[in-house]
Amino acid sequence: MRTFFAIFMLILFVGQTMAGGRTVKCQIDSNNETVYKGKCLFFPEAGGSFTLSNPTKDKPLTSSVIMINLDIIKKGLAEVRGLTKDGINSRWGEAKRSLKDKACWLGEDFQVCAW
């Protein structure tokens, strides 16, 4: 099942890349450390969900993550996953929308922002 989901996410990513995304500023933090800060391709999805990837083709966002998907569960709450270079779809966990900056989503040990 994990392999199927990773393949599905990769197909979705390739399809989105072909359709194009818009370039935004983004920042990814893990354990209170910024692991990526710069430009991202932003692919909006239904209901406010979105996917982020590096605008440079074949380059990851972090040392191991090529794509981050933030899926809105309900208002102000999302499920975040990262697709690794090895094709592993890792669950980062739930994130709440920041009250200070609506472009940011805060998880237990991570933060995803897209402006």
PDB file of N, CA and C in Angstrom:
ATOM      1  N   MET A   1       0.824  -1.184   0.000  1.00  0.00           N
ATOM      2  CA  MET A   1       0.000   0.000   0.000  1.00  0.00           C
ATOM      3  C   MET A   1       0.873   1.255   0.000  1.00  0.00           C
ATOM      4  N   ARG A   2       1.946   1.240   0.779  1.00  0.00           N
ATOM      5  CA  ARG A   2       2.852   2.380   0.853  1.00  0.00           C
ATOM      6  C   ARG A   2       3.465   2.669  -0.518  1.00  0.00           C
ATOM      7  N   THR A   3       3.874   1.599  -1.223  1.00  0.00           N
ATOM      8  CA  THR A   3       4.455   1.754  -2.554  1.00  0.00           C
ATOM      9  C   THR A   3       3.430   2.331  -3.521  1.00  0.00           C
ATOM     10  N   PHE A   4       2.199   1.830  -3.456  1.00  0.00           N
ATOM     11  CA  PHE A   4       1.142   2.331  -4.327  1.00  0.00           C
ATOM     12  C   PHE A   4       0.934   3.822  -4.110  1.00  0.00           C
ATOM     13  N   PHE A   5       0.875   4.247  -2.845  1.00  0.00           N
ATOM     14  CA  PHE A   5       0.646   5.656  -2.540  1.00  0.00           C
ATOM     15  C   PHE A   5       1.808   6.512  -3.026  1.00  0.00           C
ATOM     16  N   ALA A   6       3.038   6.028  -2.855  1.00  0.00           N
ATOM     17  CA  ALA A   6       4.213   6.771  -3.314  1.00  0.00           C
ATOM     18  C   ALA A   6       4.186   6.915  -4.831  1.00  0.00           C
ATOM     19  N   ILE A   7       3.798   5.857  -5.535  1.00  0.00           N
ATOM     20  CA  ILE A   7       3.701   5.917  -6.997  1.00  0.00           C
ATOM     21  C   ILE A   7       2.604   6.894  -7.395  1.00  0.00           C
ATOM     22  N   PHE A   8       1.466   6.840  -6.697  1.00  0.00           N
ATOM     23  CA  PHE A   8       0.368   7.760  -6.979  1.00  0.00           C
ATOM     24  C   PHE A   8       0.821   9.206  -6.791  1.00  0.00           C
ATOM     25  N   MET A   9       1.529   9.492  -5.698  1.00  0.00           N
ATOM     26  CA  MET A   9       1.998  10.852  -5.434  1.00  0.00           C
ATOM     27  C   MET A   9       3.003  11.294  -6.499  1.00  0.00           C
ATOM     28  N   LEU A  10       3.864  10.380  -6.950  1.00  0.00           N
ATOM     29  CA  LEU A  10       4.836  10.710  -7.976  1.00  0.00           C
ATOM     30  C   LEU A  10       4.143  11.016  -9.299  1.00  0.00           C
ATOM     31  N   ILE A  11       3.129  10.222  -9.647  1.00  0.00           N
ATOM     32  CA  ILE A  11       2.351  10.476 -10.863  1.00  0.00           C
ATOM     33  C   ILE A  11       1.649  11.818 -10.758  1.00  0.00           C
ATOM     34  N   LEU A  12       1.072  12.103  -9.602  1.00  0.00           N
ATOM     35  CA  LEU A  12       0.412  13.379  -9.375  1.00  0.00           C
ATOM     36  C   LEU A  12       1.404  14.520  -9.531  1.00  0.00           C
ATOM     37  N   PHE A  13       2.593  14.355  -8.967  1.00  0.00           N
ATOM     38  CA  PHE A  13       3.626  15.377  -9.043  1.00  0.00           C
ATOM     39  C   PHE A  13       4.045  15.620 -10.488  1.00  0.00           C
ATOM     40  N   VAL A  14       4.278  14.553 -11.244  1.00  0.00           N
ATOM     41  CA  VAL A  14       4.683  14.689 -12.643  1.00  0.00           C
ATOM     42  C   VAL A  14       3.581  15.380 -13.438  1.00  0.00           C
ATOM     43  N   GLY A  15       2.337  14.980 -13.203  1.00  0.00           N
ATOM     44  CA  GLY A  15       1.214  15.609 -13.886  1.00  0.00           C
ATOM     45  C   GLY A  15       1.113  17.083 -13.557  1.00  0.00           C
ATOM     46  N   GLN A  16       1.327  17.430 -12.303  1.00  0.00           N
ATOM     47  CA  GLN A  16       1.260  18.827 -11.889  1.00  0.00           C
ATOM     48  C   GLN A  16       2.412  19.617 -12.488  1.00  0.00           C
ATOM     49  N   THR A  17       3.592  19.012 -12.550  1.00  0.00           N
ATOM     50  CA  THR A  17       4.751  19.686 -13.108  1.00  0.00           C
ATOM     51  C   THR A  17       4.514  19.999 -14.576  1.00  0.00           C
ATOM     52  N   MET A  18       3.907  19.059 -15.269  1.00  0.00           N
ATOM     53  CA  MET A  18       3.619  19.280 -16.672  1.00  0.00           C
ATOM     54  C   MET A  18       2.578  20.385 -16.828  1.00  0.00           C
ATOM     55  N   ALA A  19       1.620  20.451 -15.925  1.00  0.00           N
ATOM     56  CA  ALA A  19       0.591  21.482 -15.974  1.00  0.00           C
ATOM     57  C   ALA A  19       1.148  22.822 -15.505  1.00  0.00           C
ATOM     58  N   GLY A  20       2.229  22.784 -14.750  1.00  0.00           N
ATOM     59  CA  GLY A  20       2.862  24.000 -14.265  1.00  0.00           C
ATOM     60  C   GLY A  20       2.295  24.433 -12.929  1.00  0.00           C
ATOM     61  N   GLY A  21       3.138  25.044 -12.163  1.00  0.00           N
ATOM     62  CA  GLY A  21       2.736  25.622 -10.895  1.00  0.00           C
ATOM     63  C   GLY A  21       3.210  27.060 -10.896  1.00  0.00           C
ATOM     64  N   ARG A  22       2.888  27.781  -9.851  1.00  0.00           N
ATOM     65  CA  ARG A  22       3.395  29.153  -9.794  1.00  0.00           C
ATOM     66  C   ARG A  22       4.529  29.215  -8.776  1.00  0.00           C
ATOM     67  N   THR A  23       5.447  30.107  -9.028  1.00  0.00           N
ATOM     68  CA  THR A  23       6.602  30.254  -8.154  1.00  0.00           C
ATOM     69  C   THR A  23       6.231  31.154  -6.978  1.00  0.00           C
ATOM     70  N   VAL A  24       6.523  30.668  -5.770  1.00  0.00           N
ATOM     71  CA  VAL A  24       6.278  31.411  -4.537  1.00  0.00           C
ATOM     72  C   VAL A  24       7.524  31.327  -3.667  1.00  0.00           C
ATOM     73  N   LYS A  25       7.570  32.155  -2.633  1.00  0.00           N
ATOM     74  CA  LYS A  25       8.608  32.021  -1.607  1.00  0.00           C
ATOM     75  C   LYS A  25       8.120  30.974  -0.626  1.00  0.00           C
ATOM     76  N   CYS A  26       9.031  30.150  -0.134  1.00  0.00           N
ATOM     77  CA  CYS A  26       8.617  29.181   0.872  1.00  0.00           C
ATOM     78  C   CYS A  26       9.739  28.943   1.867  1.00  0.00           C
ATOM     79  N   GLN A  27       9.339  28.381   2.987  1.00  0.00           N
ATOM     80  CA  GLN A  27      10.291  28.030   4.040  1.00  0.00           C
ATOM     81  C   GLN A  27       9.813  26.755   4.703  1.00  0.00           C
ATOM     82  N   ILE A  28      10.743  25.821   4.863  1.00  0.00           N
ATOM     83  CA  ILE A  28      10.462  24.558   5.533  1.00  0.00           C
ATOM     84  C   ILE A  28      11.380  24.469   6.746  1.00  0.00           C
ATOM     85  N   ASP A  29      10.780  24.305   7.917  1.00  0.00           N
ATOM     86  CA  ASP A  29      11.552  24.167   9.152  1.00  0.00           C
ATOM     87  C   ASP A  29      11.313  22.781   9.739  1.00  0.00           C
ATOM     88  N   SER A  30      12.365  22.226  10.310  1.00  0.00           N
ATOM     89  CA  SER A  30      12.267  20.935  10.988  1.00  0.00           C
ATOM     90  C   SER A  30      13.032  21.031  12.300  1.00  0.00           C
ATOM     91  N   ASN A  31      12.380  20.672  13.385  1.00  0.00           N
ATOM     92  CA  ASN A  31      13.001  20.742  14.714  1.00  0.00           C
ATOM     93  C   ASN A  31      13.627  22.114  14.975  1.00  0.00           C
ATOM     94  N   ASN A  32      12.856  23.176  14.693  1.00  0.00           N
ATOM     95  CA  ASN A  32      13.263  24.566  14.915  1.00  0.00           C
ATOM     96  C   ASN A  32      14.482  24.994  14.089  1.00  0.00           C
ATOM     97  N   GLU A  33      14.754  24.282  13.006  1.00  0.00           N
ATOM     98  CA  GLU A  33      15.863  24.630  12.123  1.00  0.00           C
ATOM     99  C   GLU A  33      15.320  24.766  10.700  1.00  0.00           C
ATOM    100  N   THR A  34      15.700  25.828  10.003  1.00  0.00           N
ATOM    101  CA  THR A  34      15.275  26.016   8.622  1.00  0.00           C
ATOM    102  C   THR A  34      16.061  25.062   7.728  1.00  0.00           C
ATOM    103  N   VAL A  35      15.345  24.169   7.046  1.00  0.00           N
ATOM    104  CA  VAL A  35      15.996  23.201   6.159  1.00  0.00           C
ATOM    105  C   VAL A  35      15.874  23.597   4.689  1.00  0.00           C
ATOM    106  N   TYR A  36      14.956  24.533   4.390  1.00  0.00           N
ATOM    107  CA  TYR A  36      14.853  25.090   3.040  1.00  0.00           C
ATOM    108  C   TYR A  36      14.213  26.462   3.129  1.00  0.00           C
ATOM    109  N   LYS A  37      14.799  27.402   2.426  1.00  0.00           N
ATOM    110  CA  LYS A  37      14.224  28.745   2.331  1.00  0.00           C
ATOM    111  C   LYS A  37      14.578  29.262   0.947  1.00  0.00           C
ATOM    112  N   GLY A  38      13.563  29.577   0.181  1.00  0.00           N
ATOM    113  CA  GLY A  38      13.804  30.049  -1.172  1.00  0.00           C
ATOM    114  C   GLY A  38      12.544  29.941  -2.004  1.00  0.00           C
ATOM    115  N   LYS A  39      12.733  29.754  -3.299  1.00  0.00           N
ATOM    116  CA  LYS A  39      11.603  29.644  -4.207  1.00  0.00           C
ATOM    117  C   LYS A  39      11.096  28.207  -4.257  1.00  0.00           C
ATOM    118  N   CYS A  40       9.785  28.089  -4.386  1.00  0.00           N
ATOM    119  CA  CYS A  40       9.122  26.794  -4.537  1.00  0.00           C
ATOM    120  C   CYS A  40       8.123  26.885  -5.678  1.00  0.00           C
ATOM    121  N   LEU A  41       7.839  25.756  -6.281  1.00  0.00           N
ATOM    122  CA  LEU A  41       6.689  25.672  -7.169  1.00  0.00           C
ATOM    123  C   LEU A  41       5.506  25.322  -6.296  1.00  0.00           C
ATOM    124  N   PHE A  42       4.441  26.078  -6.434  1.00  0.00           N
ATOM    125  CA  PHE A  42       3.232  25.936  -5.634  1.00  0.00           C
ATOM    126  C   PHE A  42       2.127  25.430  -6.548  1.00  0.00           C
ATOM    127  N   PHE A  43       1.565  24.280  -6.195  1.00  0.00           N
ATOM    128  CA  PHE A  43       0.479  23.681  -6.963  1.00  0.00           C
ATOM    129  C   PHE A  43      -0.768  23.647  -6.084  1.00  0.00           C
ATOM    130  N   PRO A  44      -1.714  24.575  -6.311  1.00  0.00           N
ATOM    131  CA  PRO A  44      -2.936  24.580  -5.501  1.00  0.00           C
ATOM    132  C   PRO A  44      -3.807  23.380  -5.822  1.00  0.00           C
ATOM    133  N   GLU A  45      -4.511  22.900  -4.821  1.00  0.00           N
ATOM    134  CA  GLU A  45      -5.426  21.775  -4.978  1.00  0.00           C
ATOM    135  C   GLU A  45      -6.777  22.172  -4.390  1.00  0.00           C
ATOM    136  N   ALA A  46      -7.737  21.329  -4.544  1.00  0.00           N
ATOM    137  CA  ALA A  46      -9.100  21.607  -4.070  1.00  0.00           C
ATOM    138  C   ALA A  46      -9.121  21.883  -2.570  1.00  0.00           C
ATOM    139  N   GLY A  47      -9.965  22.830  -2.179  1.00  0.00           N
ATOM    140  CA  GLY A  47     -10.201  23.095  -0.765  1.00  0.00           C
ATOM    141  C   GLY A  47      -9.070  23.780  -0.024  1.00  0.00           C
ATOM    142  N   GLY A  48      -8.083  24.341  -0.732  1.00  0.00           N
ATOM    143  CA  GLY A  48      -6.984  25.030  -0.071  1.00  0.00           C
ATOM    144  C   GLY A  48      -5.741  24.188   0.132  1.00  0.00           C
ATOM    145  N   SER A  49      -5.823  22.898  -0.182  1.00  0.00           N
ATOM    146  CA  SER A  49      -4.648  22.034  -0.092  1.00  0.00           C
ATOM    147  C   SER A  49      -3.631  22.465  -1.147  1.00  0.00           C
ATOM    148  N   PHE A  50      -2.366  22.062  -0.960  1.00  0.00           N
ATOM    149  CA  PHE A  50      -1.355  22.406  -1.959  1.00  0.00           C
ATOM    150  C   PHE A  50      -0.164  21.461  -1.881  1.00  0.00           C
ATOM    151  N   THR A  51       0.635  21.518  -2.937  1.00  0.00           N
ATOM    152  CA  THR A  51       1.875  20.754  -3.020  1.00  0.00           C
ATOM    153  C   THR A  51       2.996  21.727  -3.339  1.00  0.00           C
ATOM    154  N   LEU A  52       4.163  21.510  -2.723  1.00  0.00           N
ATOM    155  CA  LEU A  52       5.348  22.317  -2.967  1.00  0.00           C
ATOM    156  C   LEU A  52       6.463  21.443  -3.523  1.00  0.00           C
ATOM    157  N   SER A  53       7.209  21.988  -4.468  1.00  0.00           N
ATOM    158  CA  SER A  53       8.400  21.306  -4.975  1.00  0.00           C
ATOM    159  C   SER A  53       9.447  22.356  -5.329  1.00  0.00           C
ATOM    160  N   ASN A  54      10.655  21.907  -5.592  1.00  0.00           N
ATOM    161  CA  ASN A  54      11.734  22.806  -5.966  1.00  0.00           C
ATOM    162  C   ASN A  54      11.526  23.239  -7.414  1.00  0.00           C
ATOM    163  N   PRO A  55      11.676  24.531  -7.723  1.00  0.00           N
ATOM    164  CA  PRO A  55      11.486  24.978  -9.100  1.00  0.00           C
ATOM    165  C   PRO A  55      12.584  24.495 -10.050  1.00  0.00           C
ATOM    166  N   THR A  56      13.711  24.056  -9.497  1.00  0.00           N
ATOM    167  CA  THR A  56      14.772  23.493 -10.322  1.00  0.00           C
ATOM    168  C   THR A  56      14.495  22.016 -10.511  1.00  0.00           C
ATOM    169  N   LYS A  57      14.214  21.628 -11.745  1.00  0.00           N
ATOM    170  CA  LYS A  57      13.849  20.244 -12.057  1.00  0.00           C
ATOM    171  C   LYS A  57      14.891  19.273 -11.501  1.00  0.00           C
ATOM    172  N   ASP A  58      14.416  18.199 -10.935  1.00  0.00           N
ATOM    173  CA  ASP A  58      15.243  17.107 -10.389  1.00  0.00           C
ATOM    174  C   ASP A  58      16.071  17.512  -9.168  1.00  0.00           C
ATOM    175  N   LYS A  59      15.746  18.644  -8.559  1.00  0.00           N
ATOM    176  CA  LYS A  59      16.450  19.048  -7.343  1.00  0.00           C
ATOM    177  C   LYS A  59      15.473  18.973  -6.175  1.00  0.00           C
ATOM    178  N   PRO A  60      15.886  18.383  -5.050  1.00  0.00           N
ATOM    179  CA  PRO A  60      14.978  18.264  -3.903  1.00  0.00           C
ATOM    180  C   PRO A  60      14.814  19.591  -3.154  1.00  0.00           C
ATOM    181  N   LEU A  61      13.766  19.648  -2.342  1.00  0.00           N
ATOM    182  CA  LEU A  61      13.564  20.810  -1.467  1.00  0.00           C
ATOM    183  C   LEU A  61      14.544  20.771  -0.298  1.00  0.00           C
ATOM    184  N   THR A  62      14.700  19.598   0.274  1.00  0.00           N
ATOM    185  CA  THR A  62      15.651  19.414   1.375  1.00  0.00           C
ATOM    186  C   THR A  62      16.628  18.341   0.926  1.00  0.00           C
ATOM    187  N   SER A  63      17.481  17.901   1.805  1.00  0.00           N
ATOM    188  CA  SER A  63      18.466  16.890   1.420  1.00  0.00           C
ATOM    189  C   SER A  63      17.820  15.595   0.938  1.00  0.00           C
ATOM    190  N   SER A  64      16.601  15.303   1.408  1.00  0.00           N
ATOM    191  CA  SER A  64      15.972  14.050   1.007  1.00  0.00           C
ATOM    192  C   SER A  64      14.543  14.178   0.483  1.00  0.00           C
ATOM    193  N   VAL A  65      13.882  15.318   0.683  1.00  0.00           N
ATOM    194  CA  VAL A  65      12.474  15.472   0.306  1.00  0.00           C
ATOM    195  C   VAL A  65      12.354  16.228  -1.013  1.00  0.00           C
ATOM    196  N   ILE A  66      11.628  15.613  -1.980  1.00  0.00           N
ATOM    197  CA  ILE A  66      11.456  16.265  -3.272  1.00  0.00           C
ATOM    198  C   ILE A  66      10.127  17.002  -3.388  1.00  0.00           C
ATOM    199  N   MET A  67       9.166  16.626  -2.545  1.00  0.00           N
ATOM    200  CA  MET A  67       7.845  17.224  -2.648  1.00  0.00           C
ATOM    201  C   MET A  67       7.164  17.182  -1.288  1.00  0.00           C
ATOM    202  N   ILE A  68       6.441  18.253  -0.967  1.00  0.00           N
ATOM    203  CA  ILE A  68       5.658  18.311   0.274  1.00  0.00           C
ATOM    204  C   ILE A  68       4.205  18.533  -0.108  1.00  0.00           C
ATOM    205  N   ASN A  69       3.327  17.728   0.479  1.00  0.00           N
ATOM    206  CA  ASN A  69       1.905  17.856   0.220  1.00  0.00           C
ATOM    207  C   ASN A  69       1.207  18.221   1.522  1.00  0.00           C
ATOM    208  N   LEU A  70       0.417  19.293   1.473  1.00  0.00           N
ATOM    209  CA  LEU A  70      -0.368  19.723   2.622  1.00  0.00           C
ATOM    210  C   LEU A  70      -1.833  19.570   2.233  1.00  0.00           C
ATOM    211  N   ASP A  71      -2.508  18.670   2.911  1.00  0.00           N
ATOM    212  CA  ASP A  71      -3.891  18.333   2.600  1.00  0.00           C
ATOM    213  C   ASP A  71      -4.796  18.824   3.726  1.00  0.00           C
ATOM    214  N   ILE A  72      -5.678  19.772   3.401  1.00  0.00           N
ATOM    215  CA  ILE A  72      -6.590  20.325   4.405  1.00  0.00           C
ATOM    216  C   ILE A  72      -7.587  19.252   4.849  1.00  0.00           C
ATOM    217  N   ILE A  73      -7.656  19.018   6.157  1.00  0.00           N
ATOM    218  CA  ILE A  73      -8.608  18.072   6.730  1.00  0.00           C
ATOM    219  C   ILE A  73      -9.905  18.805   7.080  1.00  0.00           C
ATOM    220  N   LYS A  74      -9.744  19.930   7.737  1.00  0.00           N
ATOM    221  CA  LYS A  74     -10.860  20.820   8.063  1.00  0.00           C
ATOM    222  C   LYS A  74     -10.263  22.202   8.259  1.00  0.00           C
ATOM    223  N   LYS A  75     -11.105  23.192   8.399  1.00  0.00           N
ATOM    224  CA  LYS A  75     -10.621  24.560   8.506  1.00  0.00           C
ATOM    225  C   LYS A  75      -9.554  24.690   9.595  1.00  0.00           C
ATOM    226  N   GLY A  76      -8.382  25.167   9.177  1.00  0.00           N
ATOM    227  CA  GLY A  76      -7.294  25.399  10.113  1.00  0.00           C
ATOM    228  C   GLY A  76      -6.473  24.184  10.473  1.00  0.00           C
ATOM    229  N   LEU A  77      -6.783  23.008   9.893  1.00  0.00           N
ATOM    230  CA  LEU A  77      -6.066  21.776  10.221  1.00  0.00           C
ATOM    231  C   LEU A  77      -5.732  21.013   8.946  1.00  0.00           C
ATOM    232  N   ALA A  78      -4.486  20.558   8.844  1.00  0.00           N
ATOM    233  CA  ALA A  78      -4.035  19.855   7.649  1.00  0.00           C
ATOM    234  C   ALA A  78      -3.189  18.641   8.015  1.00  0.00           C
ATOM    235  N   GLU A  79      -3.079  17.738   7.065  1.00  0.00           N
ATOM    236  CA  GLU A  79      -2.200  16.565   7.146  1.00  0.00           C
ATOM    237  C   GLU A  79      -1.038  16.846   6.191  1.00  0.00           C
ATOM    238  N   VAL A  80       0.200  16.674   6.669  1.00  0.00           N
ATOM    239  CA  VAL A  80       1.370  16.987   5.854  1.00  0.00           C
ATOM    240  C   VAL A  80       2.184  15.721   5.614  1.00  0.00           C
ATOM    241  N   ARG A  81       2.613  15.566   4.358  1.00  0.00           N
ATOM    242  CA  ARG A  81       3.443  14.437   3.957  1.00  0.00           C
ATOM    243  C   ARG A  81       4.583  14.936   3.079  1.00  0.00           C
ATOM    244  N   GLY A  82       5.676  14.212   3.102  1.00  0.00           N
ATOM    245  CA  GLY A  82       6.810  14.522   2.245  1.00  0.00           C
ATOM    246  C   GLY A  82       7.191  13.298   1.434  1.00  0.00           C
ATOM    247  N   LEU A  83       7.421  13.490   0.148  1.00  0.00           N
ATOM    248  CA  LEU A  83       7.862  12.399  -0.719  1.00  0.00           C
ATOM    249  C   LEU A  83       9.373  12.482  -0.831  1.00  0.00           C
ATOM    250  N   THR A  84      10.065  11.406  -0.449  1.00  0.00           N
ATOM    251  CA  THR A  84      11.523  11.399  -0.461  1.00  0.00           C
ATOM    252  C   THR A  84      12.060  11.019  -1.837  1.00  0.00           C
ATOM    253  N   LYS A  85      13.358  11.241  -2.018  1.00  0.00           N
ATOM    254  CA  LYS A  85      14.030  10.867  -3.266  1.00  0.00           C
ATOM    255  C   LYS A  85      13.944   9.365  -3.499  1.00  0.00           C
ATOM    256  N   ASP A  86      13.783   8.594  -2.429  1.00  0.00           N
ATOM    257  CA  ASP A  86      13.696   7.138  -2.530  1.00  0.00           C
ATOM    258  C   ASP A  86      12.275   6.662  -2.814  1.00  0.00           C
ATOM    259  N   GLY A  87      11.336   7.603  -2.977  1.00  0.00           N
ATOM    260  CA  GLY A  87       9.958   7.234  -3.272  1.00  0.00           C
ATOM    261  C   GLY A  87       9.128   6.905  -2.044  1.00  0.00           C
ATOM    262  N   ILE A  88       9.634   7.217  -0.874  1.00  0.00           N
ATOM    263  CA  ILE A  88       8.913   6.944   0.369  1.00  0.00           C
ATOM    264  C   ILE A  88       8.045   8.152   0.702  1.00  0.00           C
ATOM    265  N   ASN A  89       6.769   7.897   0.908  1.00  0.00           N
ATOM    266  CA  ASN A  89       5.831   8.955   1.268  1.00  0.00           C
ATOM    267  C   ASN A  89       5.758   9.007   2.790  1.00  0.00           C
ATOM    268  N   SER A  90       6.496   9.929   3.373  1.00  0.00           N
ATOM    269  CA  SER A  90       6.587   9.983   4.831  1.00  0.00           C
ATOM    270  C   SER A  90       5.531  10.916   5.409  1.00  0.00           C
ATOM    271  N   ARG A  91       4.849  10.431   6.430  1.00  0.00           N
ATOM    272  CA  ARG A  91       3.834  11.234   7.115  1.00  0.00           C
ATOM    273  C   ARG A  91       4.518  12.108   8.143  1.00  0.00           C
ATOM    274  N   TRP A  92       4.381  13.431   7.975  1.00  0.00           N
ATOM    275  CA  TRP A  92       4.954  14.358   8.932  1.00  0.00           C
ATOM    276  C   TRP A  92       4.008  14.585  10.087  1.00  0.00           C
ATOM    277  N   GLY A  93       2.720  14.524   9.811  1.00  0.00           N
ATOM    278  CA  GLY A  93       1.727  14.693  10.861  1.00  0.00           C
ATOM    279  C   GLY A  93       0.773  15.834  10.581  1.00  0.00           C
ATOM    280  N   GLU A  94      -0.040  16.137  11.580  1.00  0.00           N
ATOM    281  CA  GLU A  94      -1.009  17.215  11.462  1.00  0.00           C
ATOM    282  C   GLU A  94      -0.320  18.561  11.690  1.00  0.00           C
ATOM    283  N   ALA A  95      -0.879  19.577  11.038  1.00  0.00           N
ATOM    284  CA  ALA A  95      -0.385  20.939  11.209  1.00  0.00           C
ATOM    285  C   ALA A  95      -1.569  21.883  11.342  1.00  0.00           C
ATOM    286  N   LYS A  96      -1.396  22.873  12.189  1.00  0.00           N
ATOM    287  CA  LYS A  96      -2.422  23.896  12.371  1.00  0.00           C
ATOM    288  C   LYS A  96      -1.974  25.166  11.659  1.00  0.00           C
ATOM    289  N   ARG A  97      -2.936  25.861  11.100  1.00  0.00           N
ATOM    290  CA  ARG A  97      -2.631  27.123  10.438  1.00  0.00           C
ATOM    291  C   ARG A  97      -2.195  28.144  11.484  1.00  0.00           C
ATOM    292  N   SER A  98      -1.110  28.832  11.199  1.00  0.00           N
ATOM    293  CA  SER A  98      -0.587  29.835  12.118  1.00  0.00           C
ATOM    294  C   SER A  98      -1.567  31.000  12.265  1.00  0.00           C
ATOM    295  N   LEU A  99      -1.743  31.462  13.474  1.00  0.00           N
ATOM    296  CA  LEU A  99      -2.583  32.632  13.722  1.00  0.00           C
ATOM    297  C   LEU A  99      -1.834  33.922  13.382  1.00  0.00           C
ATOM    298  N   LYS A 100      -0.495  33.873  13.438  1.00  0.00           N
ATOM    299  CA  LYS A 100       0.332  35.046  13.149  1.00  0.00           C
ATOM    300  C   LYS A 100       0.544  35.247  11.650  1.00  0.00           C
ATOM    301  N   ASP A 101       0.711  34.144  10.919  1.00  0.00           N
ATOM    302  CA  ASP A 101       0.978  34.214   9.477  1.00  0.00           C
ATOM    303  C   ASP A 101       0.181  33.112   8.796  1.00  0.00           C
ATOM    304  N   LYS A 102      -0.894  33.473   8.125  1.00  0.00           N
ATOM    305  CA  LYS A 102      -1.809  32.499   7.511  1.00  0.00           C
ATOM    306  C   LYS A 102      -1.153  31.681   6.406  1.00  0.00           C
ATOM    307  N   ALA A 103       0.042  32.070   5.959  1.00  0.00           N
ATOM    308  CA  ALA A 103       0.764  31.311   4.932  1.00  0.00           C
ATOM    309  C   ALA A 103       1.548  30.155   5.545  1.00  0.00           C
ATOM    310  N   CYS A 104       1.552  30.074   6.873  1.00  0.00           N
ATOM    311  CA  CYS A 104       2.345  29.050   7.565  1.00  0.00           C
ATOM    312  C   CYS A 104       1.457  28.030   8.272  1.00  0.00           C
ATOM    313  N   TRP A 105       1.951  26.804   8.266  1.00  0.00           N
ATOM    314  CA  TRP A 105       1.281  25.683   8.929  1.00  0.00           C
ATOM    315  C   TRP A 105       2.275  25.080   9.908  1.00  0.00           C
ATOM    316  N   LEU A 106       1.844  24.922  11.168  1.00  0.00           N
ATOM    317  CA  LEU A 106       2.723  24.499  12.251  1.00  0.00           C
ATOM    318  C   LEU A 106       2.393  23.082  12.722  1.00  0.00           C
ATOM    319  N   GLY A 107       3.379  22.214  12.621  1.00  0.00           N
ATOM    320  CA  GLY A 107       3.245  20.859  13.131  1.00  0.00           C
ATOM    321  C   GLY A 107       3.977  20.736  14.451  1.00  0.00           C
ATOM    322  N   GLU A 108       3.970  19.543  14.996  1.00  0.00           N
ATOM    323  CA  GLU A 108       4.627  19.322  16.292  1.00  0.00           C
ATOM    324  C   GLU A 108       6.120  19.647  16.220  1.00  0.00           C
ATOM    325  N   ASP A 109       6.787  19.239  15.146  1.00  0.00           N
ATOM    326  CA  ASP A 109       8.229  19.481  15.021  1.00  0.00           C
ATOM    327  C   ASP A 109       8.624  20.019  13.645  1.00  0.00           C
ATOM    328  N   PHE A 110       7.657  20.641  12.950  1.00  0.00           N
ATOM    329  CA  PHE A 110       7.943  21.202  11.629  1.00  0.00           C
ATOM    330  C   PHE A 110       7.045  22.398  11.363  1.00  0.00           C
ATOM    331  N   GLN A 111       7.429  23.147  10.324  1.00  0.00           N
ATOM    332  CA  GLN A 111       6.642  24.284   9.863  1.00  0.00           C
ATOM    333  C   GLN A 111       6.782  24.355   8.342  1.00  0.00           C
ATOM    334  N   VAL A 112       5.674  24.606   7.659  1.00  0.00           N
ATOM    335  CA  VAL A 112       5.670  24.778   6.210  1.00  0.00           C
ATOM    336  C   VAL A 112       5.016  26.122   5.917  1.00  0.00           C
ATOM    337  N   CYS A 113       5.745  26.995   5.215  1.00  0.00           N
ATOM    338  CA  CYS A 113       5.211  28.311   4.840  1.00  0.00           C
ATOM    339  C   CYS A 113       5.335  28.497   3.335  1.00  0.00           C
ATOM    340  N   ALA A 114       4.308  29.079   2.735  1.00  0.00           N
ATOM    341  CA  ALA A 114       4.341  29.399   1.297  1.00  0.00           C
ATOM    342  C   ALA A 114       3.655  30.735   1.088  1.00  0.00           C
ATOM    343  N   TRP A 115       4.430  31.732   0.651  1.00  0.00           N
ATOM    344  CA  TRP A 115       3.906  33.079   0.454  1.00  0.00           C
ATOM    345  C   TRP A 115       3.743  33.387  -1.015  1.00  0.00           C
TER     346      TRP A 115
END
